């Protein structure tokens, strides 16, 4: 069994991907809006980083609280949000780890 198939066994449905848009308000300030509907609903698995220190990725120079795994469909970009069950996570990094369109590792920060 391939590594991707092994990981996909842990995927659950219903993860929503949200993308913001920016608009200028009446005072000339940029305002972020998440819209009314997600851009995609996908299957995936969320893994929390444990310990005293949050994960630091050398490749992307970000810190995060969790990593999200999903099929590499190109639907998740830095700056998006992933939501499920009343929890929201800011996407800090999205990487097709095998560069073959098989598996995405998405570094996220939980919004408490």
C-alpha atoms as a PDB file:
ATOM      1  CA  UNK A   1       0.000   0.000   0.000  1.00  0.00           C
ATOM      2  CA  UNK A   2       1.395   3.394  -0.960  1.00  0.00           C
ATOM      3  CA  UNK A   3       2.059   6.111   1.609  1.00  0.00           C
ATOM      4  CA  UNK A   4      -0.639   8.314   0.095  1.00  0.00           C
ATOM      5  CA  UNK A   5      -3.255   5.561   0.422  1.00  0.00           C
ATOM      6  CA  UNK A   6      -2.211   4.927   4.023  1.00  0.00           C
ATOM      7  CA  UNK A   7      -2.652   8.598   4.901  1.00  0.00           C
ATOM      8  CA  UNK A   8      -5.968   8.899   3.032  1.00  0.00           C
ATOM      9  CA  UNK A   9      -7.470   6.252   5.319  1.00  0.00           C
ATOM     10  CA  UNK A  10      -7.562   8.951   8.010  1.00  0.00           C
ATOM     11  CA  UNK A  11      -9.294  11.592   5.858  1.00  0.00           C
ATOM     12  CA  UNK A  12     -12.731  12.786   6.942  1.00  0.00           C
ATOM     13  CA  UNK A  13     -15.186  14.674   4.730  1.00  0.00           C
ATOM     14  CA  UNK A  14     -16.572  18.162   5.233  1.00  0.00           C
ATOM     15  CA  UNK A  15     -13.484  20.407   5.468  1.00  0.00           C
ATOM     16  CA  UNK A  16     -14.347  23.782   3.939  1.00  0.00           C
ATOM     17  CA  UNK A  17     -11.835  25.973   2.128  1.00  0.00           C
ATOM     18  CA  UNK A  18     -12.573  29.717   2.302  1.00  0.00           C
ATOM     19  CA  UNK A  19     -10.833  32.451   0.314  1.00  0.00           C
ATOM     20  CA  UNK A  20     -11.032  36.110   1.239  1.00  0.00           C
ATOM     21  CA  UNK A  21     -11.465  39.095  -1.008  1.00  0.00           C
ATOM     22  CA  UNK A  22     -10.370  42.630  -0.235  1.00  0.00           C
ATOM     23  CA  UNK A  23     -12.450  45.712  -0.742  1.00  0.00           C
ATOM     24  CA  UNK A  24     -12.069  49.320   0.262  1.00  0.00           C
ATOM     25  CA  UNK A  25     -14.472  50.672   2.873  1.00  0.00           C
ATOM     26  CA  UNK A  26     -15.914  54.213   2.995  1.00  0.00           C
ATOM     27  CA  UNK A  27     -12.748  55.411   4.770  1.00  0.00           C
ATOM     28  CA  UNK A  28     -10.301  54.024   2.210  1.00  0.00           C
ATOM     29  CA  UNK A  29      -9.190  51.110   4.393  1.00  0.00           C
ATOM     30  CA  UNK A  30      -8.799  47.589   3.017  1.00  0.00           C
ATOM     31  CA  UNK A  31     -11.431  45.251   4.463  1.00  0.00           C
ATOM     32  CA  UNK A  32     -11.195  41.462   4.208  1.00  0.00           C
ATOM     33  CA  UNK A  33     -14.407  39.577   3.420  1.00  0.00           C
ATOM     34  CA  UNK A  34     -14.807  35.784   3.460  1.00  0.00           C
ATOM     35  CA  UNK A  35     -17.996  35.706   1.409  1.00  0.00           C
ATOM     36  CA  UNK A  36     -21.078  33.599   2.033  1.00  0.00           C
ATOM     37  CA  UNK A  37     -19.910  30.199   0.777  1.00  0.00           C
ATOM     38  CA  UNK A  38     -16.686  28.177   0.781  1.00  0.00           C
ATOM     39  CA  UNK A  39     -14.790  27.817  -2.501  1.00  0.00           C
ATOM     40  CA  UNK A  40     -14.511  24.040  -1.952  1.00  0.00           C
ATOM     41  CA  UNK A  41     -15.443  21.254   0.430  1.00  0.00           C
ATOM     42  CA  UNK A  42     -12.790  18.542   0.604  1.00  0.00           C
ATOM     43  CA  UNK A  43     -11.720  15.422   2.489  1.00  0.00           C
ATOM     44  CA  UNK A  44      -8.673  15.730   4.733  1.00  0.00           C
ATOM     45  CA  UNK A  45      -7.041  15.103   8.092  1.00  0.00           C
ATOM     46  CA  UNK A  46      -5.864  17.645  10.684  1.00  0.00           C
ATOM     47  CA  UNK A  47      -2.908  16.896  12.956  1.00  0.00           C
ATOM     48  CA  UNK A  48      -2.065  19.018  15.983  1.00  0.00           C
ATOM     49  CA  UNK A  49       1.554  19.739  16.840  1.00  0.00           C
ATOM     50  CA  UNK A  50       2.205  18.904  20.478  1.00  0.00           C
ATOM     51  CA  UNK A  51       4.728  20.212  22.940  1.00  0.00           C
ATOM     52  CA  UNK A  52       5.757  23.581  24.267  1.00  0.00           C
ATOM     53  CA  UNK A  53       6.936  24.999  20.949  1.00  0.00           C
ATOM     54  CA  UNK A  54       4.799  25.355  17.825  1.00  0.00           C
ATOM     55  CA  UNK A  55       6.064  23.816  14.617  1.00  0.00           C
ATOM     56  CA  UNK A  56       8.562  25.918  12.675  1.00  0.00           C
ATOM     57  CA  UNK A  57       9.026  25.031   9.016  1.00  0.00           C
ATOM     58  CA  UNK A  58      12.472  25.862   7.699  1.00  0.00           C
ATOM     59  CA  UNK A  59      11.297  25.817   4.109  1.00  0.00           C
ATOM     60  CA  UNK A  60       8.548  28.388   4.615  1.00  0.00           C
ATOM     61  CA  UNK A  61       9.644  30.242   7.764  1.00  0.00           C
ATOM     62  CA  UNK A  62       6.277  30.169   9.491  1.00  0.00           C
ATOM     63  CA  UNK A  63       5.044  28.861  12.774  1.00  0.00           C
ATOM     64  CA  UNK A  64       1.867  26.845  13.000  1.00  0.00           C
ATOM     65  CA  UNK A  65      -0.235  24.863  15.423  1.00  0.00           C
ATOM     66  CA  UNK A  66      -1.461  22.125  13.076  1.00  0.00           C
ATOM     67  CA  UNK A  67      -0.835  20.445   9.742  1.00  0.00           C
ATOM     68  CA  UNK A  68      -3.667  19.578   7.366  1.00  0.00           C
ATOM     69  CA  UNK A  69      -3.326  16.732   4.858  1.00  0.00           C
ATOM     70  CA  UNK A  70      -5.479  16.447   1.734  1.00  0.00           C
ATOM     71  CA  UNK A  71      -5.372  15.438  -1.916  1.00  0.00           C
ATOM     72  CA  UNK A  72      -3.301  17.841  -4.005  1.00  0.00           C
ATOM     73  CA  UNK A  73      -6.061  19.487  -5.995  1.00  0.00           C
ATOM     74  CA  UNK A  74      -4.706  23.028  -6.093  1.00  0.00           C
ATOM     75  CA  UNK A  75      -7.692  24.410  -4.161  1.00  0.00           C
ATOM     76  CA  UNK A  76      -5.755  25.587  -1.093  1.00  0.00           C
ATOM     77  CA  UNK A  77      -3.480  28.630  -1.160  1.00  0.00           C
ATOM     78  CA  UNK A  78      -1.626  30.656   1.464  1.00  0.00           C
ATOM     79  CA  UNK A  79      -4.030  33.154   3.037  1.00  0.00           C
ATOM     80  CA  UNK A  80      -7.070  30.854   2.789  1.00  0.00           C
ATOM     81  CA  UNK A  81      -8.918  29.448   5.775  1.00  0.00           C
ATOM     82  CA  UNK A  82      -9.862  25.839   6.457  1.00  0.00           C
ATOM     83  CA  UNK A  83     -12.980  25.367   8.591  1.00  0.00           C
ATOM     84  CA  UNK A  84     -14.858  22.473  10.139  1.00  0.00           C
ATOM     85  CA  UNK A  85     -17.069  22.013  13.174  1.00  0.00           C
ATOM     86  CA  UNK A  86     -16.880  25.627  14.325  1.00  0.00           C
ATOM     87  CA  UNK A  87     -13.062  25.730  14.180  1.00  0.00           C
ATOM     88  CA  UNK A  88     -11.105  27.867  11.740  1.00  0.00           C
ATOM     89  CA  UNK A  89      -7.459  27.627  10.703  1.00  0.00           C
ATOM     90  CA  UNK A  90      -5.423  30.205   8.747  1.00  0.00           C
ATOM     91  CA  UNK A  91      -3.376  28.650   5.950  1.00  0.00           C
ATOM     92  CA  UNK A  92       0.283  29.625   6.331  1.00  0.00           C
ATOM     93  CA  UNK A  93       1.820  27.270   3.763  1.00  0.00           C
ATOM     94  CA  UNK A  94       0.500  24.810   1.173  1.00  0.00           C
ATOM     95  CA  UNK A  95       2.901  22.308  -0.358  1.00  0.00           C
ATOM     96  CA  UNK A  96       2.487  19.400  -2.793  1.00  0.00           C
ATOM     97  CA  UNK A  97       5.116  17.369  -0.970  1.00  0.00           C
ATOM     98  CA  UNK A  98       5.789  14.820  -3.683  1.00  0.00           C
ATOM     99  CA  UNK A  99       5.433  17.296  -6.552  1.00  0.00           C
ATOM    100  CA  UNK A 100       3.192  14.773  -8.307  1.00  0.00           C
ATOM    101  CA  UNK A 101      -0.268  16.035  -7.447  1.00  0.00           C
ATOM    102  CA  UNK A 102      -0.833  13.347  -4.823  1.00  0.00           C
ATOM    103  CA  UNK A 103      -0.732  14.809  -1.317  1.00  0.00           C
ATOM    104  CA  UNK A 104      -0.822  18.317   0.116  1.00  0.00           C
ATOM    105  CA  UNK A 105       0.708  19.208   3.463  1.00  0.00           C
ATOM    106  CA  UNK A 106      -0.832  22.468   4.622  1.00  0.00           C
ATOM    107  CA  UNK A 107       0.681  24.344   7.562  1.00  0.00           C
ATOM    108  CA  UNK A 108      -2.069  26.132   9.500  1.00  0.00           C
ATOM    109  CA  UNK A 109      -2.559  28.264  12.603  1.00  0.00           C
ATOM    110  CA  UNK A 110      -5.644  27.555  14.716  1.00  0.00           C
ATOM    111  CA  UNK A 111      -7.784  30.634  15.361  1.00  0.00           C
ATOM    112  CA  UNK A 112      -8.974  30.274  18.950  1.00  0.00           C
END
